[in-house]
Amino acid sequence: MTQEGTDLDGLVRKRIRALRAAHGWSLDDLAGRSHLSPSTLSRIETGHRRIALDQLTAIARALSTSLDQLVETDAEDVVSNPTYHRSRSQTHWTLRGEPGVTVARMRLTDPPPQGPTALKAHPGREWFTVLSGTVELLLGERRLRVEERQAAEFPTMLPHAVGAVGGPAEILGIFDREARRNHLADGGRAAR
């Protein structure tokens, strides 16, 4: 007989099974990491056993996730609309699950700024991929060419700047709160 429960109960069971499979683990593997028996885990996944809070906590820890993430409900607003800033040639999407993180598509037309005062540094990390064109990344004393379909990721405490090489380029970047303040709010002119 299966344990009848809420939609959340079924979602949590599916999530446990999917996370276990994503790790490439058998029930025995998860059992060893969560200190629960393989039969208990099997019954939990299939709905033949009620899930106790202490079991759920052990399973979440073993799967390298939080209890909150394991039990969060389906997101109602899955699709988000961008904000377009015409004057800056930037399109922004805010990530709901990561407060302060913004995804931005930016069109670069100028080469990177020259001189040590043009480079910016701030806490955090940045990641971007080149959608079209070629980009030059100034990173400390280094000059790196980033071609279409390549990506760059770096600690932002290194002084850095980005610009187009040989014509316009478009990038898609992921920026934390500090990077957004330093690069997106200023229109991307100094470092983007």
C-alpha atoms as a PDB file:
ATOM      1  CA  MET A   1       0.000   0.000   0.000  1.00  0.00           C
ATOM      2  CA  THR A   2       1.390   3.409  -0.919  1.00  0.00           C
ATOM      3  CA  GLN A   3       1.466   6.387   1.405  1.00  0.00           C
ATOM      4  CA  GLU A   4      -1.178   8.829   0.234  1.00  0.00           C
ATOM      5  CA  GLY A   5       0.025  12.372   0.592  1.00  0.00           C
ATOM      6  CA  THR A   6       0.016  15.825  -0.783  1.00  0.00           C
ATOM      7  CA  ASP A   7       1.427  16.974  -4.088  1.00  0.00           C
ATOM      8  CA  LEU A   8       4.452  18.176  -2.110  1.00  0.00           C
ATOM      9  CA  ASP A   9       4.959  14.687  -0.694  1.00  0.00           C
ATOM     10  CA  GLY A  10       5.043  13.200  -4.195  1.00  0.00           C
ATOM     11  CA  LEU A  11       7.314  15.982  -5.447  1.00  0.00           C
ATOM     12  CA  VAL A  12       9.815  15.381  -2.626  1.00  0.00           C
ATOM     13  CA  ARG A  13       9.885  11.643  -3.392  1.00  0.00           C
ATOM     14  CA  LYS A  14      10.484  12.301  -7.105  1.00  0.00           C
ATOM     15  CA  ARG A  15      13.146  14.851  -6.235  1.00  0.00           C
ATOM     16  CA  ILE A  16      15.001  12.379  -4.001  1.00  0.00           C
ATOM     17  CA  ARG A  17      14.972   9.741  -6.747  1.00  0.00           C
ATOM     18  CA  ALA A  18      16.048  12.270  -9.419  1.00  0.00           C
ATOM     19  CA  LEU A  19      18.892  13.672  -7.292  1.00  0.00           C
ATOM     20  CA  ARG A  20      20.105  10.172  -6.473  1.00  0.00           C
ATOM     21  CA  ALA A  21      20.068   9.278 -10.168  1.00  0.00           C
ATOM     22  CA  ALA A  22      21.829  12.548 -11.087  1.00  0.00           C
ATOM     23  CA  HIS A  23      24.667  11.565  -8.740  1.00  0.00           C
ATOM     24  CA  GLY A  24      24.744   8.159 -10.436  1.00  0.00           C
ATOM     25  CA  TRP A  25      24.074   6.454  -7.099  1.00  0.00           C
ATOM     26  CA  SER A  26      22.257   3.228  -6.342  1.00  0.00           C
ATOM     27  CA  LEU A  27      20.004   2.910  -3.308  1.00  0.00           C
ATOM     28  CA  ASP A  28      22.967   1.269  -1.547  1.00  0.00           C
ATOM     29  CA  ASP A  29      25.166   4.304  -2.323  1.00  0.00           C
ATOM     30  CA  LEU A  30      22.625   6.742  -0.898  1.00  0.00           C
ATOM     31  CA  ALA A  31      22.027   4.436   2.069  1.00  0.00           C
ATOM     32  CA  GLY A  32      25.710   4.527   2.969  1.00  0.00           C
ATOM     33  CA  ARG A  33      25.781   8.312   2.795  1.00  0.00           C
ATOM     34  CA  SER A  34      22.505   8.928   4.638  1.00  0.00           C
ATOM     35  CA  HIS A  35      22.838   6.134   7.234  1.00  0.00           C
ATOM     36  CA  LEU A  36      19.428   4.758   6.257  1.00  0.00           C
ATOM     37  CA  SER A  37      18.802   1.277   4.913  1.00  0.00           C
ATOM     38  CA  PRO A  38      18.364   0.716   1.153  1.00  0.00           C
ATOM     39  CA  SER A  39      14.922  -0.780   1.795  1.00  0.00           C
ATOM     40  CA  THR A  40      13.841   2.289   3.776  1.00  0.00           C
ATOM     41  CA  LEU A  41      15.024   4.555   0.951  1.00  0.00           C
ATOM     42  CA  SER A  42      13.242   2.419  -1.636  1.00  0.00           C
ATOM     43  CA  ARG A  43       9.991   2.608   0.331  1.00  0.00           C
ATOM     44  CA  ILE A  44      10.406   6.382   0.747  1.00  0.00           C
ATOM     45  CA  GLU A  45      10.990   6.893  -2.994  1.00  0.00           C
ATOM     46  CA  THR A  46       8.032   4.710  -3.984  1.00  0.00           C
ATOM     47  CA  GLY A  47       5.604   6.137  -1.431  1.00  0.00           C
ATOM     48  CA  HIS A  48       5.368   2.966   0.657  1.00  0.00           C
ATOM     49  CA  ARG A  49       6.727   4.701   3.743  1.00  0.00           C
ATOM     50  CA  ARG A  50       6.008   7.978   5.445  1.00  0.00           C
ATOM     51  CA  ILE A  51       9.031  10.328   5.440  1.00  0.00           C
ATOM     52  CA  ALA A  52      10.177  11.410   8.897  1.00  0.00           C
ATOM     53  CA  LEU A  53      11.858  14.790   9.321  1.00  0.00           C
ATOM     54  CA  ASP A  54      15.105  13.252  10.589  1.00  0.00           C
ATOM     55  CA  GLN A  55      15.212  10.967   7.541  1.00  0.00           C
ATOM     56  CA  LEU A  56      14.553  13.871   5.207  1.00  0.00           C
ATOM     57  CA  THR A  57      17.361  15.873   6.826  1.00  0.00           C
ATOM     58  CA  ALA A  58      19.802  12.964   6.460  1.00  0.00           C
ATOM     59  CA  ILE A  59      18.792  12.421   2.824  1.00  0.00           C
ATOM     60  CA  ALA A  60      19.150  16.123   1.982  1.00  0.00           C
ATOM     61  CA  ARG A  61      22.615  16.249   3.549  1.00  0.00           C
ATOM     62  CA  ALA A  62      23.692  13.087   1.698  1.00  0.00           C
ATOM     63  CA  LEU A  63      22.456  14.534  -1.610  1.00  0.00           C
ATOM     64  CA  SER A  64      24.404  17.791  -1.033  1.00  0.00           C
ATOM     65  CA  THR A  65      21.282  19.913  -0.912  1.00  0.00           C
ATOM     66  CA  SER A  66      19.390  21.746   1.800  1.00  0.00           C
ATOM     67  CA  LEU A  67      16.149  20.672   3.412  1.00  0.00           C
ATOM     68  CA  ASP A  68      14.590  23.882   2.059  1.00  0.00           C
ATOM     69  CA  GLN A  69      15.564  23.017  -1.513  1.00  0.00           C
ATOM     70  CA  LEU A  70      14.348  19.459  -1.140  1.00  0.00           C
ATOM     71  CA  VAL A  71      10.859  20.524  -0.001  1.00  0.00           C
ATOM     72  CA  GLU A  72      10.361  23.756  -1.949  1.00  0.00           C
ATOM     73  CA  THR A  73       7.158  23.781  -3.963  1.00  0.00           C
ATOM     74  CA  ASP A  74       6.826  24.095  -7.701  1.00  0.00           C
ATOM     75  CA  ALA A  75       7.604  27.562  -8.936  1.00  0.00           C
ATOM     76  CA  GLU A  76       4.517  29.273 -10.252  1.00  0.00           C
ATOM     77  CA  ASP A  77       6.357  31.924 -12.225  1.00  0.00           C
ATOM     78  CA  VAL A  78       8.714  29.872 -14.352  1.00  0.00           C
ATOM     79  CA  VAL A  79       8.913  32.284 -17.279  1.00  0.00           C
ATOM     80  CA  SER A  80      10.376  35.727 -16.672  1.00  0.00           C
ATOM     81  CA  ASN A  81      10.409  38.748 -18.907  1.00  0.00           C
ATOM     82  CA  PRO A  82      13.555  40.756 -19.466  1.00  0.00           C
ATOM     83  CA  THR A  83      14.086  44.419 -18.889  1.00  0.00           C
ATOM     84  CA  TYR A  84      15.616  46.139 -21.902  1.00  0.00           C
ATOM     85  CA  HIS A  85      17.785  49.246 -21.504  1.00  0.00           C
ATOM     86  CA  ARG A  86      17.994  50.724 -24.997  1.00  0.00           C
ATOM     87  CA  SER A  87      20.479  53.474 -24.085  1.00  0.00           C
ATOM     88  CA  ARG A  88      22.932  50.857 -22.798  1.00  0.00           C
ATOM     89  CA  SER A  89      22.134  48.076 -25.309  1.00  0.00           C
ATOM     90  CA  GLN A  90      21.542  45.734 -22.377  1.00  0.00           C
ATOM     91  CA  THR A  91      18.855  43.193 -21.619  1.00  0.00           C
ATOM     92  CA  HIS A  92      18.578  42.001 -17.980  1.00  0.00           C
ATOM     93  CA  TRP A  93      16.886  39.012 -16.397  1.00  0.00           C
ATOM     94  CA  THR A  94      16.740  38.694 -12.615  1.00  0.00           C
ATOM     95  CA  LEU A  95      17.112  35.171 -11.213  1.00  0.00           C
ATOM     96  CA  ARG A  96      14.318  34.606  -8.710  1.00  0.00           C
ATOM     97  CA  GLY A  97      16.090  31.737  -6.979  1.00  0.00           C
ATOM     98  CA  GLU A  98      19.305  33.730  -6.513  1.00  0.00           C
ATOM     99  CA  PRO A  99      18.512  37.171  -5.053  1.00  0.00           C
ATOM    100  CA  GLY A 100      20.913  39.789  -6.317  1.00  0.00           C
ATOM    101  CA  VAL A 101      22.037  37.724  -9.335  1.00  0.00           C
ATOM    102  CA  THR A 102      21.326  39.119 -12.792  1.00  0.00           C
ATOM    103  CA  VAL A 103      21.789  37.632 -16.238  1.00  0.00           C
ATOM    104  CA  ALA A 104      22.564  40.301 -18.828  1.00  0.00           C
ATOM    105  CA  ARG A 105      22.904  40.271 -22.593  1.00  0.00           C
ATOM    106  CA  MET A 106      25.107  43.138 -23.669  1.00  0.00           C
ATOM    107  CA  ARG A 107      26.232  44.542 -26.995  1.00  0.00           C
ATOM    108  CA  LEU A 108      29.812  45.793 -26.923  1.00  0.00           C
ATOM    109  CA  THR A 109      30.987  48.219 -29.583  1.00  0.00           C
ATOM    110  CA  ASP A 110      34.051  49.835 -28.001  1.00  0.00           C
ATOM    111  CA  PRO A 111      37.425  48.222 -27.379  1.00  0.00           C
ATOM    112  CA  PRO A 112      38.376  47.700 -23.735  1.00  0.00           C
ATOM    113  CA  PRO A 113      39.353  50.884 -21.913  1.00  0.00           C
ATOM    114  CA  GLN A 114      43.060  51.580 -21.688  1.00  0.00           C
ATOM    115  CA  GLY A 115      45.132  52.359 -18.634  1.00  0.00           C
ATOM    116  CA  PRO A 116      45.192  50.944 -15.144  1.00  0.00           C
ATOM    117  CA  THR A 117      42.536  53.358 -13.838  1.00  0.00           C
ATOM    118  CA  ALA A 118      39.985  51.984 -16.321  1.00  0.00           C
ATOM    119  CA  LEU A 119      40.095  48.516 -14.777  1.00  0.00           C
ATOM    120  CA  LYS A 120      37.636  47.684 -11.998  1.00  0.00           C
ATOM    121  CA  ALA A 121      37.937  45.302  -9.064  1.00  0.00           C
ATOM    122  CA  HIS A 122      35.283  44.215  -6.587  1.00  0.00           C
ATOM    123  CA  PRO A 123      34.375  41.153  -4.491  1.00  0.00           C
ATOM    124  CA  GLY A 124      32.884  38.122  -6.220  1.00  0.00           C
ATOM    125  CA  ARG A 125      33.190  36.225  -9.488  1.00  0.00           C
ATOM    126  CA  GLU A 126      31.988  36.887 -13.017  1.00  0.00           C
ATOM    127  CA  TRP A 127      31.111  34.605 -15.883  1.00  0.00           C
ATOM    128  CA  PHE A 128      30.291  35.507 -19.466  1.00  0.00           C
ATOM    129  CA  THR A 129      30.020  33.788 -22.819  1.00  0.00           C
ATOM    130  CA  VAL A 130      30.477  35.405 -26.217  1.00  0.00           C
ATOM    131  CA  LEU A 131      27.352  35.072 -28.351  1.00  0.00           C
ATOM    132  CA  SER A 132      28.811  36.828 -31.393  1.00  0.00           C
ATOM    133  CA  GLY A 133      32.010  38.604 -32.359  1.00  0.00           C
ATOM    134  CA  THR A 134      35.264  38.602 -30.419  1.00  0.00           C
ATOM    135  CA  VAL A 135      35.894  40.067 -26.986  1.00  0.00           C
ATOM    136  CA  GLU A 136      39.097  41.122 -25.289  1.00  0.00           C
ATOM    137  CA  LEU A 137      39.246  40.550 -21.550  1.00  0.00           C
ATOM    138  CA  LEU A 138      41.805  42.590 -19.639  1.00  0.00           C
ATOM    139  CA  LEU A 139      42.524  40.700 -16.437  1.00  0.00           C
ATOM    140  CA  GLY A 140      45.256  42.223 -14.316  1.00  0.00           C
ATOM    141  CA  GLU A 141      48.288  42.354 -16.614  1.00  0.00           C
ATOM    142  CA  ARG A 142      46.841  39.777 -19.042  1.00  0.00           C
ATOM    143  CA  ARG A 143      45.006  40.337 -22.338  1.00  0.00           C
ATOM    144  CA  LEU A 144      42.792  37.421 -23.308  1.00  0.00           C
ATOM    145  CA  ARG A 145      40.820  36.931 -26.531  1.00  0.00           C
ATOM    146  CA  VAL A 146      37.457  35.288 -25.972  1.00  0.00           C
ATOM    147  CA  GLU A 147      35.913  34.049 -29.205  1.00  0.00           C
ATOM    148  CA  GLU A 148      32.314  33.236 -30.073  1.00  0.00           C
ATOM    149  CA  ARG A 149      30.997  30.227 -28.089  1.00  0.00           C
ATOM    150  CA  GLN A 150      33.832  30.507 -25.552  1.00  0.00           C
ATOM    151  CA  ALA A 151      33.270  31.593 -21.954  1.00  0.00           C
ATOM    152  CA  ALA A 152      35.393  33.263 -19.302  1.00  0.00           C
ATOM    153  CA  GLU A 153      35.099  33.047 -15.535  1.00  0.00           C
ATOM    154  CA  PHE A 154      37.332  34.893 -13.113  1.00  0.00           C
ATOM    155  CA  PRO A 155      37.556  36.319  -9.598  1.00  0.00           C
ATOM    156  CA  THR A 156      36.574  39.963  -9.760  1.00  0.00           C
ATOM    157  CA  MET A 157      39.141  41.091  -7.217  1.00  0.00           C
ATOM    158  CA  LEU A 158      41.514  41.019 -10.192  1.00  0.00           C
ATOM    159  CA  PRO A 159      41.285  44.382 -11.983  1.00  0.00           C
ATOM    160  CA  HIS A 160      39.355  43.724 -15.186  1.00  0.00           C
ATOM    161  CA  ALA A 161      37.640  45.202 -18.215  1.00  0.00           C
ATOM    162  CA  VAL A 162      36.007  43.858 -21.377  1.00  0.00           C
ATOM    163  CA  GLY A 163      35.586  45.288 -24.865  1.00  0.00           C
ATOM    164  CA  ALA A 164      34.887  44.343 -28.475  1.00  0.00           C
ATOM    165  CA  VAL A 165      37.639  43.439 -30.936  1.00  0.00           C
ATOM    166  CA  GLY A 166      37.283  44.214 -34.654  1.00  0.00           C
ATOM    167  CA  GLY A 167      33.612  45.173 -34.519  1.00  0.00           C
ATOM    168  CA  PRO A 168      30.555  44.726 -32.323  1.00  0.00           C
ATOM    169  CA  ALA A 169      30.244  41.729 -30.023  1.00  0.00           C
ATOM    170  CA  GLU A 170      27.461  40.370 -27.843  1.00  0.00           C
ATOM    171  CA  ILE A 171      27.954  38.642 -24.513  1.00  0.00           C
ATOM    172  CA  LEU A 172      25.714  36.951 -22.000  1.00  0.00           C
ATOM    173  CA  GLY A 173      26.954  37.406 -18.450  1.00  0.00           C
ATOM    174  CA  ILE A 174      26.000  36.373 -14.954  1.00  0.00           C
ATOM    175  CA  PHE A 175      26.565  39.092 -12.362  1.00  0.00           C
ATOM    176  CA  ASP A 176      26.189  39.069  -8.604  1.00  0.00           C
ATOM    177  CA  ARG A 177      24.935  42.161  -6.745  1.00  0.00           C
ATOM    178  CA  GLU A 178      28.388  43.781  -6.565  1.00  0.00           C
ATOM    179  CA  ALA A 179      29.194  43.118 -10.226  1.00  0.00           C
ATOM    180  CA  ARG A 180      25.797  44.460 -11.277  1.00  0.00           C
ATOM    181  CA  ARG A 181      26.447  47.683  -9.391  1.00  0.00           C
ATOM    182  CA  ASN A 182      29.905  48.034 -10.969  1.00  0.00           C
ATOM    183  CA  HIS A 183      29.161  46.996 -14.551  1.00  0.00           C
ATOM    184  CA  LEU A 184      25.487  47.183 -15.417  1.00  0.00           C
ATOM    185  CA  ALA A 185      24.422  50.329 -13.603  1.00  0.00           C
ATOM    186  CA  ASP A 186      27.104  52.449 -15.264  1.00  0.00           C
ATOM    187  CA  GLY A 187      25.932  51.419 -18.700  1.00  0.00           C
ATOM    188  CA  GLY A 188      28.846  49.125 -19.232  1.00  0.00           C
ATOM    189  CA  ARG A 189      30.986  51.902 -20.629  1.00  0.00           C
ATOM    190  CA  ALA A 190      33.943  51.691 -18.261  1.00  0.00           C
ATOM    191  CA  ALA A 191      34.408  47.960 -17.874  1.00  0.00           C
ATOM    192  CA  ARG A 192      31.988  46.316 -20.227  1.00  0.00           C
END
